[in-house]
Amino acid sequence: MTPTATVLLVFGRGVVAGDDGYRLTAESAARARAAIGYVRAHATEFRRAAGARVVFTGGWPHGPAGASGPPAGCREGELMLALARAAGLDGYARLYAETRSRTTLQNLAHTVQDGLLAGQVYTPARPLGLVSHPWHLPRIRFLAGKVLGLTGATLLDVPVAGPDPVPAGRERLARAASRLCYLGLRSPEALLRRERDLARSAERVAGLFRH
């Protein structure tokens, strides 16, 4: 029998700006709806569980580097949380938003640093649920092993149904790069430092081709 995860970590997929303000991409909204559907399908377990919660993660992942993000209340995690609250999800679990992140690694590391997963012990019988599109989940699992020390059955995939066109080759490359670049690192702080170093190196290389 598949266990129920009564703590969910929901990964965003972008925010876009328009004349009428900021809104979630269709993929981000689909991930929020997947979390809503999962909680409703396991309503009894969520109402009974101590510490049941849903954490929505993301700031402004697709914004230009160095640009200021959306104002408070319009960041990715906040918009997903608002969608969940409008659907009545706060009647089943506590809802939280992590709003500083621009990458999957940051989603995990900042969630830990902000204490949003604290107070729970994750086991195969009480796993942590990961909500995202199927192509994304293997990389999340790898990084969750690094940041959270959770692997295998202590993590439960909650895949999003519906299309999200990401080239398979690009995602395989991202997973391979993560395994190579974060080799030997475990703490959120060390992982974030390595990510910043890699981003600076990439920017320097890109600068060579702009001149």
N, C-alpha and C. Protein backbone atom coordinates (compact mmCIF):
# COMPACT_ATOMS: atom_id res chain seq x y z
N MET A 1 0.84 -1.20 0.00
CA MET A 1 0.00 0.00 0.00
C MET A 1 0.88 1.25 0.00
N THR A 2 0.59 2.19 -0.88
CA THR A 2 1.40 3.40 -0.98
C THR A 2 1.11 4.31 0.21
N PRO A 3 2.16 4.75 0.91
CA PRO A 3 1.93 5.65 2.04
C PRO A 3 1.49 7.02 1.57
N THR A 4 0.93 7.79 2.49
CA THR A 4 0.52 9.16 2.18
C THR A 4 1.54 10.13 2.73
N ALA A 5 1.95 11.09 1.91
CA ALA A 5 2.82 12.17 2.38
C ALA A 5 1.94 13.31 2.85
N THR A 6 2.04 13.66 4.13
CA THR A 6 1.24 14.76 4.66
C THR A 6 2.05 16.04 4.80
N VAL A 7 3.26 16.01 4.28
CA VAL A 7 4.07 17.22 4.07
C VAL A 7 4.46 17.23 2.60
N LEU A 8 4.07 18.29 1.89
CA LEU A 8 4.36 18.39 0.46
C LEU A 8 5.27 19.59 0.20
N LEU A 9 6.21 19.39 -0.71
CA LEU A 9 7.07 20.45 -1.19
C LEU A 9 6.77 20.64 -2.67
N VAL A 10 6.25 21.80 -3.03
CA VAL A 10 5.77 22.07 -4.38
C VAL A 10 6.75 23.01 -5.08
N PHE A 11 7.22 22.59 -6.24
CA PHE A 11 8.23 23.34 -6.99
C PHE A 11 7.56 24.15 -8.11
N GLY A 12 7.84 25.43 -8.13
CA GLY A 12 7.23 26.30 -9.13
C GLY A 12 7.86 26.13 -10.50
N ARG A 13 7.23 26.77 -11.50
CA ARG A 13 7.70 26.67 -12.88
C ARG A 13 7.56 28.01 -13.59
N GLY A 14 7.66 29.09 -12.82
CA GLY A 14 7.73 30.38 -13.47
C GLY A 14 6.59 31.33 -13.16
N VAL A 15 6.92 32.62 -13.22
CA VAL A 15 5.99 33.73 -13.08
C VAL A 15 6.20 34.63 -14.28
N VAL A 16 5.12 35.16 -14.82
CA VAL A 16 5.23 36.08 -15.95
C VAL A 16 4.57 37.40 -15.59
N ALA A 17 5.12 38.48 -16.14
CA ALA A 17 4.58 39.82 -15.90
C ALA A 17 3.79 40.28 -17.11
N GLY A 18 2.65 40.90 -16.86
CA GLY A 18 1.82 41.43 -17.93
C GLY A 18 1.25 42.78 -17.54
N ASP A 19 0.43 43.33 -18.39
CA ASP A 19 -0.17 44.63 -18.11
C ASP A 19 -1.06 44.60 -16.87
N ASP A 20 -1.59 43.40 -16.58
CA ASP A 20 -2.48 43.26 -15.42
C ASP A 20 -1.75 42.74 -14.19
N GLY A 21 -0.42 42.78 -14.18
CA GLY A 21 0.35 42.34 -13.02
C GLY A 21 1.04 41.01 -13.27
N TYR A 22 1.38 40.33 -12.18
CA TYR A 22 2.11 39.08 -12.26
C TYR A 22 1.15 37.90 -12.13
N ARG A 23 1.47 36.82 -12.85
CA ARG A 23 0.65 35.61 -12.76
C ARG A 23 1.56 34.40 -12.93
N LEU A 24 1.06 33.26 -12.46
CA LEU A 24 1.78 32.01 -12.62
C LEU A 24 1.74 31.56 -14.08
N THR A 25 2.80 30.90 -14.52
CA THR A 25 2.73 30.21 -15.80
C THR A 25 1.73 29.06 -15.68
N ALA A 26 1.30 28.54 -16.83
CA ALA A 26 0.37 27.41 -16.81
C ALA A 26 0.98 26.22 -16.09
N GLU A 27 2.30 26.04 -16.23
CA GLU A 27 2.96 24.90 -15.58
C GLU A 27 3.02 25.07 -14.06
N SER A 28 3.29 26.29 -13.59
CA SER A 28 3.27 26.54 -12.15
C SER A 28 1.88 26.32 -11.57
N ALA A 29 0.88 26.82 -12.27
CA ALA A 29 -0.50 26.62 -11.81
C ALA A 29 -0.85 25.14 -11.78
N ALA A 30 -0.38 24.38 -12.76
CA ALA A 30 -0.65 22.94 -12.78
C ALA A 30 -0.02 22.25 -11.57
N ARG A 31 1.15 22.69 -11.16
CA ARG A 31 1.80 22.09 -10.00
C ARG A 31 1.03 22.43 -8.72
N ALA A 32 0.57 23.66 -8.61
CA ALA A 32 -0.25 24.01 -7.45
C ALA A 32 -1.54 23.19 -7.42
N ARG A 33 -2.17 23.03 -8.59
CA ARG A 33 -3.40 22.23 -8.65
C ARG A 33 -3.14 20.76 -8.33
N ALA A 34 -1.97 20.25 -8.71
CA ALA A 34 -1.63 18.87 -8.36
C ALA A 34 -1.55 18.70 -6.85
N ALA A 35 -0.98 19.68 -6.18
CA ALA A 35 -0.92 19.62 -4.71
C ALA A 35 -2.31 19.69 -4.11
N ILE A 36 -3.14 20.57 -4.65
CA ILE A 36 -4.51 20.68 -4.16
C ILE A 36 -5.25 19.35 -4.34
N GLY A 37 -5.11 18.74 -5.52
CA GLY A 37 -5.77 17.46 -5.78
C GLY A 37 -5.28 16.36 -4.87
N TYR A 38 -3.97 16.34 -4.60
CA TYR A 38 -3.41 15.30 -3.73
C TYR A 38 -3.95 15.44 -2.30
N VAL A 39 -3.96 16.67 -1.79
CA VAL A 39 -4.45 16.88 -0.43
C VAL A 39 -5.93 16.50 -0.33
N ARG A 40 -6.73 16.90 -1.29
CA ARG A 40 -8.14 16.55 -1.26
C ARG A 40 -8.35 15.03 -1.33
N ALA A 41 -7.53 14.36 -2.11
CA ALA A 41 -7.66 12.90 -2.24
C ALA A 41 -7.27 12.18 -0.95
N HIS A 42 -6.50 12.86 -0.09
CA HIS A 42 -6.05 12.25 1.17
C HIS A 42 -6.47 13.14 2.34
N ALA A 43 -7.67 13.70 2.24
CA ALA A 43 -8.14 14.67 3.23
C ALA A 43 -8.13 14.13 4.65
N THR A 44 -8.55 12.90 4.83
CA THR A 44 -8.61 12.32 6.18
C THR A 44 -7.24 12.26 6.81
N GLU A 45 -6.25 11.79 6.04
CA GLU A 45 -4.89 11.69 6.55
C GLU A 45 -4.32 13.06 6.90
N PHE A 46 -4.59 14.06 6.06
CA PHE A 46 -4.07 15.40 6.33
C PHE A 46 -4.70 15.99 7.59
N ARG A 47 -5.98 15.79 7.77
CA ARG A 47 -6.64 16.36 8.95
C ARG A 47 -6.15 15.70 10.24
N ARG A 48 -5.78 14.43 10.16
CA ARG A 48 -5.33 13.70 11.35
C ARG A 48 -3.86 13.93 11.68
N ALA A 49 -3.06 14.26 10.68
CA ALA A 49 -1.60 14.30 10.85
C ALA A 49 -1.17 15.54 11.62
N ALA A 50 -0.31 15.33 12.59
CA ALA A 50 0.32 16.45 13.27
C ALA A 50 1.38 17.04 12.35
N GLY A 51 1.32 18.34 12.19
CA GLY A 51 2.32 19.00 11.36
C GLY A 51 2.08 18.93 9.87
N ALA A 52 0.89 18.54 9.44
CA ALA A 52 0.59 18.49 8.01
C ALA A 52 0.78 19.88 7.40
N ARG A 53 1.49 19.93 6.28
CA ARG A 53 1.75 21.23 5.67
C ARG A 53 2.04 21.07 4.18
N VAL A 54 1.87 22.19 3.47
CA VAL A 54 2.24 22.26 2.06
C VAL A 54 3.11 23.50 1.90
N VAL A 55 4.32 23.30 1.36
CA VAL A 55 5.27 24.38 1.17
C VAL A 55 5.40 24.65 -0.33
N PHE A 56 5.10 25.87 -0.73
CA PHE A 56 5.22 26.28 -2.13
C PHE A 56 6.52 27.07 -2.28
N THR A 57 7.34 26.67 -3.24
CA THR A 57 8.67 27.25 -3.34
C THR A 57 8.86 28.00 -4.65
N GLY A 58 9.56 29.15 -4.55
CA GLY A 58 9.95 29.87 -5.76
C GLY A 58 9.81 31.36 -5.63
N GLY A 59 10.77 32.08 -6.21
CA GLY A 59 10.74 33.53 -6.22
C GLY A 59 10.40 34.06 -7.60
N TRP A 60 11.44 34.19 -8.44
CA TRP A 60 11.25 34.68 -9.81
C TRP A 60 12.28 34.01 -10.70
N PRO A 61 12.11 32.71 -10.97
CA PRO A 61 13.17 31.93 -11.63
C PRO A 61 13.48 32.37 -13.05
N HIS A 62 12.52 32.94 -13.77
CA HIS A 62 12.74 33.27 -15.17
C HIS A 62 13.01 34.75 -15.40
N GLY A 63 13.20 35.49 -14.31
CA GLY A 63 13.50 36.90 -14.47
C GLY A 63 14.95 37.12 -14.86
N PRO A 64 15.27 38.26 -15.48
CA PRO A 64 16.65 38.54 -15.87
C PRO A 64 17.57 38.57 -14.66
N ALA A 65 18.77 38.02 -14.82
CA ALA A 65 19.73 38.00 -13.72
C ALA A 65 20.02 39.42 -13.25
N GLY A 66 19.97 39.63 -11.94
CA GLY A 66 20.25 40.95 -11.38
C GLY A 66 19.05 41.86 -11.31
N ALA A 67 17.97 41.52 -11.99
CA ALA A 67 16.78 42.37 -11.97
C ALA A 67 16.00 42.14 -10.68
N SER A 68 15.34 43.19 -10.21
CA SER A 68 14.51 43.04 -9.03
C SER A 68 13.32 42.14 -9.36
N GLY A 69 12.93 41.35 -8.41
CA GLY A 69 11.83 40.43 -8.63
C GLY A 69 10.48 41.10 -8.44
N PRO A 70 9.42 40.31 -8.55
CA PRO A 70 8.08 40.86 -8.32
C PRO A 70 7.95 41.39 -6.90
N PRO A 71 7.01 42.28 -6.66
CA PRO A 71 6.80 42.80 -5.30
C PRO A 71 6.26 41.71 -4.39
N ALA A 72 6.34 41.97 -3.10
CA ALA A 72 5.81 41.03 -2.12
C ALA A 72 4.36 40.70 -2.44
N GLY A 73 4.06 39.42 -2.35
CA GLY A 73 2.72 38.93 -2.66
C GLY A 73 2.58 38.43 -4.07
N CYS A 74 3.56 38.73 -4.93
CA CYS A 74 3.48 38.34 -6.34
C CYS A 74 4.59 37.38 -6.74
N ARG A 75 5.35 36.87 -5.77
CA ARG A 75 6.39 35.92 -6.11
C ARG A 75 5.77 34.55 -6.31
N GLU A 76 6.55 33.68 -6.93
CA GLU A 76 6.04 32.38 -7.37
C GLU A 76 5.39 31.59 -6.23
N GLY A 77 6.12 31.43 -5.13
CA GLY A 77 5.57 30.67 -4.01
C GLY A 77 4.30 31.29 -3.46
N GLU A 78 4.27 32.62 -3.40
CA GLU A 78 3.10 33.32 -2.86
C GLU A 78 1.88 33.16 -3.77
N LEU A 79 2.10 33.22 -5.08
CA LEU A 79 0.98 33.07 -6.01
C LEU A 79 0.42 31.66 -5.98
N MET A 80 1.29 30.66 -5.86
CA MET A 80 0.81 29.28 -5.74
C MET A 80 0.05 29.09 -4.43
N LEU A 81 0.58 29.67 -3.35
CA LEU A 81 -0.10 29.57 -2.06
C LEU A 81 -1.48 30.23 -2.14
N ALA A 82 -1.57 31.38 -2.78
CA ALA A 82 -2.86 32.07 -2.91
C ALA A 82 -3.86 31.22 -3.67
N LEU A 83 -3.39 30.52 -4.71
CA LEU A 83 -4.26 29.62 -5.47
C LEU A 83 -4.77 28.49 -4.58
N ALA A 84 -3.86 27.95 -3.76
CA ALA A 84 -4.26 26.86 -2.86
C ALA A 84 -5.22 27.35 -1.78
N ARG A 85 -4.96 28.53 -1.27
CA ARG A 85 -5.85 29.07 -0.22
C ARG A 85 -7.24 29.34 -0.80
N ALA A 86 -7.30 29.84 -2.02
CA ALA A 86 -8.60 30.09 -2.66
C ALA A 86 -9.38 28.80 -2.85
N ALA A 87 -8.64 27.68 -2.98
CA ALA A 87 -9.28 26.37 -3.13
C ALA A 87 -9.62 25.73 -1.78
N GLY A 88 -9.34 26.43 -0.69
CA GLY A 88 -9.68 25.93 0.64
C GLY A 88 -8.69 24.96 1.22
N LEU A 89 -7.45 24.95 0.68
CA LEU A 89 -6.48 23.96 1.15
C LEU A 89 -6.03 24.21 2.59
N ASP A 90 -6.15 25.45 3.06
CA ASP A 90 -5.75 25.73 4.44
C ASP A 90 -6.71 25.11 5.45
N GLY A 91 -7.78 24.50 4.98
CA GLY A 91 -8.64 23.74 5.88
C GLY A 91 -8.13 22.35 6.16
N TYR A 92 -7.10 21.93 5.43
CA TYR A 92 -6.53 20.59 5.58
C TYR A 92 -5.09 20.60 6.12
N ALA A 93 -4.35 21.67 5.85
CA ALA A 93 -2.94 21.71 6.21
C ALA A 93 -2.49 23.15 6.34
N ARG A 94 -1.38 23.35 7.02
CA ARG A 94 -0.76 24.67 7.06
C ARG A 94 -0.07 24.93 5.73
N LEU A 95 -0.17 26.16 5.25
CA LEU A 95 0.40 26.53 3.97
C LEU A 95 1.54 27.52 4.18
N TYR A 96 2.65 27.29 3.49
CA TYR A 96 3.82 28.16 3.60
C TYR A 96 4.36 28.47 2.21
N ALA A 97 5.06 29.59 2.10
CA ALA A 97 5.71 29.96 0.84
C ALA A 97 7.16 30.30 1.09
N GLU A 98 8.02 29.73 0.28
CA GLU A 98 9.45 30.11 0.23
C GLU A 98 9.60 30.95 -1.03
N THR A 99 10.13 32.17 -0.91
CA THR A 99 10.02 33.12 -2.03
C THR A 99 11.36 33.71 -2.49
N ARG A 100 12.48 33.13 -2.04
CA ARG A 100 13.79 33.71 -2.40
C ARG A 100 14.45 33.01 -3.58
N SER A 101 13.95 31.88 -3.99
CA SER A 101 14.70 30.98 -4.87
C SER A 101 14.54 31.30 -6.35
N ARG A 102 15.60 30.96 -7.09
CA ARG A 102 15.58 31.05 -8.55
C ARG A 102 15.91 29.71 -9.21
N THR A 103 16.32 28.71 -8.42
CA THR A 103 16.71 27.41 -8.97
C THR A 103 16.15 26.30 -8.09
N THR A 104 16.21 25.07 -8.61
CA THR A 104 15.73 23.91 -7.84
C THR A 104 16.56 23.71 -6.58
N LEU A 105 17.87 23.85 -6.68
CA LEU A 105 18.72 23.72 -5.50
C LEU A 105 18.33 24.75 -4.46
N GLN A 106 18.12 25.99 -4.88
CA GLN A 106 17.73 27.03 -3.94
C GLN A 106 16.36 26.74 -3.32
N ASN A 107 15.44 26.20 -4.11
CA ASN A 107 14.13 25.80 -3.55
C ASN A 107 14.32 24.95 -2.30
N LEU A 108 15.16 23.93 -2.42
CA LEU A 108 15.39 23.00 -1.32
C LEU A 108 16.19 23.65 -0.20
N ALA A 109 17.29 24.30 -0.55
CA ALA A 109 18.17 24.85 0.48
C ALA A 109 17.49 25.96 1.27
N HIS A 110 16.79 26.86 0.60
CA HIS A 110 16.13 27.96 1.30
C HIS A 110 14.96 27.46 2.15
N THR A 111 14.28 26.43 1.67
CA THR A 111 13.21 25.84 2.47
C THR A 111 13.75 25.30 3.79
N VAL A 112 14.92 24.65 3.73
CA VAL A 112 15.57 24.16 4.94
C VAL A 112 16.02 25.33 5.81
N GLN A 113 16.69 26.30 5.22
CA GLN A 113 17.20 27.43 5.99
C GLN A 113 16.08 28.22 6.66
N ASP A 114 14.92 28.28 6.02
CA ASP A 114 13.79 29.01 6.59
C ASP A 114 13.00 28.19 7.60
N GLY A 115 13.42 26.93 7.82
CA GLY A 115 12.77 26.08 8.82
C GLY A 115 11.40 25.58 8.44
N LEU A 116 11.08 25.55 7.14
CA LEU A 116 9.72 25.22 6.72
C LEU A 116 9.44 23.72 6.73
N LEU A 117 10.48 22.90 6.86
CA LEU A 117 10.29 21.45 6.96
C LEU A 117 10.64 20.93 8.35
N ALA A 118 10.92 21.82 9.27
CA ALA A 118 11.38 21.42 10.60
C ALA A 118 10.27 20.75 11.39
N GLY A 119 10.69 19.96 12.36
CA GLY A 119 9.75 19.32 13.28
C GLY A 119 9.15 18.04 12.79
N GLN A 120 9.64 17.51 11.67
CA GLN A 120 9.11 16.28 11.11
C GLN A 120 10.25 15.28 10.89
N VAL A 121 9.94 14.01 11.06
CA VAL A 121 10.86 12.93 10.74
C VAL A 121 10.27 12.19 9.55
N TYR A 122 11.03 12.13 8.47
CA TYR A 122 10.53 11.52 7.24
C TYR A 122 11.05 10.09 7.13
N THR A 123 10.11 9.17 6.92
CA THR A 123 10.40 7.74 6.85
C THR A 123 9.62 7.15 5.67
N PRO A 124 9.90 5.89 5.30
CA PRO A 124 9.09 5.27 4.24
C PRO A 124 7.60 5.25 4.57
N ALA A 125 7.25 5.21 5.86
CA ALA A 125 5.84 5.22 6.24
C ALA A 125 5.26 6.63 6.25
N ARG A 126 6.13 7.64 6.42
CA ARG A 126 5.71 9.05 6.44
C ARG A 126 6.68 9.86 5.58
N PRO A 127 6.60 9.70 4.27
CA PRO A 127 7.57 10.35 3.39
C PRO A 127 7.28 11.82 3.16
N LEU A 128 8.27 12.49 2.61
CA LEU A 128 8.11 13.86 2.15
C LEU A 128 7.64 13.81 0.70
N GLY A 129 6.55 14.50 0.38
CA GLY A 129 6.03 14.50 -0.97
C GLY A 129 6.64 15.59 -1.83
N LEU A 130 7.05 15.23 -3.04
CA LEU A 130 7.65 16.16 -3.99
C LEU A 130 6.68 16.36 -5.15
N VAL A 131 6.23 17.58 -5.36
CA VAL A 131 5.23 17.87 -6.39
C VAL A 131 5.88 18.62 -7.54
N SER A 132 5.92 17.97 -8.70
CA SER A 132 6.47 18.61 -9.89
C SER A 132 6.13 17.75 -11.10
N HIS A 133 6.59 18.19 -12.28
CA HIS A 133 6.39 17.40 -13.49
C HIS A 133 7.32 16.18 -13.49
N PRO A 134 6.93 15.11 -14.13
CA PRO A 134 7.72 13.87 -14.08
C PRO A 134 9.18 14.05 -14.52
N TRP A 135 9.44 14.87 -15.53
CA TRP A 135 10.82 15.05 -15.99
C TRP A 135 11.71 15.68 -14.94
N HIS A 136 11.12 16.46 -14.04
CA HIS A 136 11.85 17.23 -13.03
C HIS A 136 12.16 16.42 -11.78
N LEU A 137 11.34 15.42 -11.49
CA LEU A 137 11.42 14.71 -10.22
C LEU A 137 12.75 13.99 -9.99
N PRO A 138 13.38 13.34 -10.99
CA PRO A 138 14.67 12.70 -10.72
C PRO A 138 15.74 13.67 -10.23
N ARG A 139 15.78 14.88 -10.79
CA ARG A 139 16.78 15.87 -10.35
C ARG A 139 16.44 16.38 -8.95
N ILE A 140 15.15 16.57 -8.68
CA ILE A 140 14.76 16.97 -7.33
C ILE A 140 15.19 15.92 -6.32
N ARG A 141 14.96 14.65 -6.64
CA ARG A 141 15.34 13.57 -5.73
C ARG A 141 16.85 13.59 -5.45
N PHE A 142 17.65 13.79 -6.50
CA PHE A 142 19.09 13.83 -6.30
C PHE A 142 19.47 14.98 -5.37
N LEU A 143 18.94 16.17 -5.64
CA LEU A 143 19.28 17.33 -4.82
C LEU A 143 18.70 17.22 -3.41
N ALA A 144 17.54 16.58 -3.26
CA ALA A 144 16.98 16.35 -1.92
C ALA A 144 17.89 15.44 -1.11
N GLY A 145 18.51 14.49 -1.77
CA GLY A 145 19.48 13.64 -1.07
C GLY A 145 20.65 14.46 -0.55
N LYS A 146 21.10 15.43 -1.34
CA LYS A 146 22.19 16.29 -0.92
C LYS A 146 21.79 17.23 0.22
N VAL A 147 20.67 17.92 0.02
CA VAL A 147 20.27 18.98 0.95
C VAL A 147 19.60 18.43 2.21
N LEU A 148 18.72 17.45 2.03
CA LEU A 148 17.91 16.94 3.13
C LEU A 148 18.41 15.62 3.70
N GLY A 149 19.27 14.95 2.95
CA GLY A 149 19.71 13.63 3.39
C GLY A 149 18.63 12.57 3.25
N LEU A 150 17.64 12.82 2.39
CA LEU A 150 16.54 11.89 2.18
C LEU A 150 16.68 11.21 0.83
N THR A 151 16.47 9.92 0.80
CA THR A 151 16.57 9.18 -0.45
C THR A 151 15.50 8.09 -0.48
N GLY A 152 15.37 7.45 -1.63
CA GLY A 152 14.51 6.27 -1.75
C GLY A 152 13.09 6.51 -1.31
N ALA A 153 12.59 5.61 -0.47
CA ALA A 153 11.19 5.63 -0.06
C ALA A 153 10.86 6.71 0.95
N THR A 154 11.86 7.44 1.46
CA THR A 154 11.55 8.58 2.34
C THR A 154 11.05 9.77 1.54
N LEU A 155 11.13 9.66 0.20
CA LEU A 155 10.60 10.68 -0.70
C LEU A 155 9.48 10.06 -1.53
N LEU A 156 8.41 10.78 -1.71
CA LEU A 156 7.28 10.30 -2.50
C LEU A 156 7.03 11.24 -3.67
N ASP A 157 7.09 10.74 -4.88
CA ASP A 157 6.81 11.55 -6.06
C ASP A 157 5.31 11.81 -6.18
N VAL A 158 4.95 13.06 -6.39
CA VAL A 158 3.57 13.45 -6.70
C VAL A 158 3.63 14.13 -8.07
N PRO A 159 3.59 13.34 -9.14
CA PRO A 159 3.80 13.89 -10.48
C PRO A 159 2.60 14.68 -10.98
N VAL A 160 2.90 15.70 -11.77
CA VAL A 160 1.87 16.54 -12.37
C VAL A 160 1.47 15.94 -13.70
N ALA A 161 0.17 15.80 -13.92
CA ALA A 161 -0.32 15.31 -15.21
C ALA A 161 -0.35 16.46 -16.20
N GLY A 162 -0.22 16.12 -17.48
CA GLY A 162 -0.30 17.14 -18.52
C GLY A 162 1.06 17.49 -19.06
N PRO A 163 1.09 18.11 -20.23
CA PRO A 163 2.36 18.39 -20.91
C PRO A 163 3.13 19.54 -20.27
N ASP A 164 4.43 19.43 -20.35
CA ASP A 164 5.35 20.50 -19.98
C ASP A 164 6.57 20.28 -20.85
N PRO A 165 6.61 20.89 -22.01
CA PRO A 165 7.62 20.54 -23.02
C PRO A 165 9.03 20.97 -22.66
N VAL A 166 9.76 20.06 -22.05
CA VAL A 166 11.17 20.27 -21.75
C VAL A 166 11.96 19.23 -22.52
N PRO A 167 12.93 19.64 -23.33
CA PRO A 167 13.72 18.66 -24.09
C PRO A 167 14.39 17.65 -23.16
N ALA A 168 14.20 16.37 -23.45
CA ALA A 168 14.75 15.31 -22.59
C ALA A 168 16.26 15.42 -22.48
N GLY A 169 16.92 15.76 -23.59
CA GLY A 169 18.38 15.87 -23.56
C GLY A 169 18.85 16.96 -22.64
N ARG A 170 18.14 18.09 -22.62
CA ARG A 170 18.53 19.20 -21.75
C ARG A 170 18.41 18.80 -20.28
N GLU A 171 17.34 18.10 -19.93
CA GLU A 171 17.18 17.70 -18.54
C GLU A 171 18.20 16.64 -18.13
N ARG A 172 18.52 15.71 -19.03
CA ARG A 172 19.57 14.73 -18.72
C ARG A 172 20.90 15.43 -18.48
N LEU A 173 21.19 16.46 -19.27
CA LEU A 173 22.42 17.23 -19.09
C LEU A 173 22.41 17.95 -17.74
N ALA A 174 21.26 18.50 -17.36
CA ALA A 174 21.16 19.20 -16.07
C ALA A 174 21.39 18.24 -14.91
N ARG A 175 20.85 17.03 -15.01
CA ARG A 175 21.06 16.04 -13.94
C ARG A 175 22.52 15.63 -13.86
N ALA A 176 23.13 15.40 -15.01
CA ALA A 176 24.54 15.00 -15.04
C ALA A 176 25.42 16.11 -14.47
N ALA A 177 25.12 17.35 -14.84
CA ALA A 177 25.90 18.48 -14.33
C ALA A 177 25.76 18.60 -12.82
N SER A 178 24.56 18.36 -12.30
CA SER A 178 24.34 18.44 -10.86
C SER A 178 25.17 17.40 -10.13
N ARG A 179 25.19 16.19 -10.66
CA ARG A 179 25.97 15.11 -10.02
C ARG A 179 27.46 15.43 -10.01
N LEU A 180 27.95 16.01 -11.08
CA LEU A 180 29.37 16.34 -11.17
C LEU A 180 29.72 17.56 -10.33
N CYS A 181 28.94 18.61 -10.45
CA CYS A 181 29.29 19.88 -9.82
C CYS A 181 29.13 19.87 -8.30
N TYR A 182 28.22 19.05 -7.80
CA TYR A 182 27.97 19.04 -6.35
C TYR A 182 28.54 17.82 -5.67
N LEU A 183 29.46 17.15 -6.34
CA LEU A 183 30.09 15.96 -5.78
C LEU A 183 30.77 16.28 -4.46
N GLY A 184 30.46 15.48 -3.44
CA GLY A 184 31.11 15.64 -2.14
C GLY A 184 30.52 16.69 -1.24
N LEU A 185 29.56 17.47 -1.72
CA LEU A 185 28.97 18.54 -0.90
C LEU A 185 27.67 18.05 -0.27
N ARG A 186 27.40 18.51 0.96
CA ARG A 186 26.21 18.06 1.67
C ARG A 186 25.39 19.18 2.26
N SER A 187 26.02 20.19 2.87
CA SER A 187 25.24 21.20 3.57
C SER A 187 24.60 22.17 2.58
N PRO A 188 23.44 22.72 2.92
CA PRO A 188 22.81 23.72 2.03
C PRO A 188 23.73 24.89 1.72
N GLU A 189 24.50 25.33 2.74
CA GLU A 189 25.37 26.48 2.55
C GLU A 189 26.47 26.18 1.54
N ALA A 190 27.10 25.00 1.65
CA ALA A 190 28.16 24.63 0.72
C ALA A 190 27.62 24.47 -0.69
N LEU A 191 26.45 23.89 -0.82
CA LEU A 191 25.84 23.71 -2.13
C LEU A 191 25.50 25.05 -2.78
N LEU A 192 24.98 25.97 -2.00
CA LEU A 192 24.64 27.29 -2.54
C LEU A 192 25.90 28.06 -2.95
N ARG A 193 26.97 27.92 -2.15
CA ARG A 193 28.22 28.58 -2.52
C ARG A 193 28.74 28.04 -3.85
N ARG A 194 28.68 26.71 -4.03
CA ARG A 194 29.14 26.13 -5.27
C ARG A 194 28.28 26.62 -6.44
N GLU A 195 26.98 26.69 -6.24
CA GLU A 195 26.11 27.17 -7.31
C GLU A 195 26.45 28.61 -7.69
N ARG A 196 26.71 29.47 -6.69
CA ARG A 196 27.08 30.86 -6.98
C ARG A 196 28.39 30.92 -7.74
N ASP A 197 29.36 30.10 -7.34
CA ASP A 197 30.65 30.08 -8.03
C ASP A 197 30.48 29.65 -9.49
N LEU A 198 29.66 28.64 -9.71
CA LEU A 198 29.42 28.16 -11.07
C LEU A 198 28.73 29.24 -11.92
N ALA A 199 27.78 29.94 -11.31
CA ALA A 199 27.07 30.99 -12.04
C ALA A 199 28.01 32.12 -12.42
N ARG A 200 28.92 32.50 -11.51
CA ARG A 200 29.88 33.55 -11.82
C ARG A 200 30.84 33.11 -12.93
N SER A 201 31.27 31.85 -12.86
CA SER A 201 32.16 31.34 -13.90
C SER A 201 31.47 31.34 -15.26
N ALA A 202 30.21 30.92 -15.28
CA ALA A 202 29.47 30.90 -16.53
C ALA A 202 29.30 32.30 -17.10
N GLU A 203 29.07 33.28 -16.22
CA GLU A 203 28.91 34.65 -16.67
C GLU A 203 30.22 35.20 -17.24
N ARG A 204 31.34 34.84 -16.61
CA ARG A 204 32.63 35.30 -17.14
C ARG A 204 32.90 34.72 -18.52
N VAL A 205 32.59 33.44 -18.67
CA VAL A 205 32.79 32.81 -19.98
C VAL A 205 31.89 33.46 -21.02
N ALA A 206 30.63 33.70 -20.67
CA ALA A 206 29.70 34.35 -21.60
C ALA A 206 30.19 35.74 -21.97
N GLY A 207 30.80 36.43 -21.01
CA GLY A 207 31.31 37.76 -21.29
C GLY A 207 32.42 37.79 -22.32
N LEU A 208 33.22 36.72 -22.37
CA LEU A 208 34.28 36.65 -23.36
C LEU A 208 33.74 36.67 -24.78
N PHE A 209 32.56 36.09 -24.94
CA PHE A 209 31.97 36.00 -26.29
C PHE A 209 31.17 37.24 -26.66
N ARG A 210 30.95 38.12 -25.68
CA ARG A 210 30.22 39.36 -25.98
C ARG A 210 31.15 40.47 -26.46
N HIS A 211 32.46 40.24 -26.33
CA HIS A 211 33.41 41.28 -26.70
C HIS A 211 34.12 40.93 -28.00
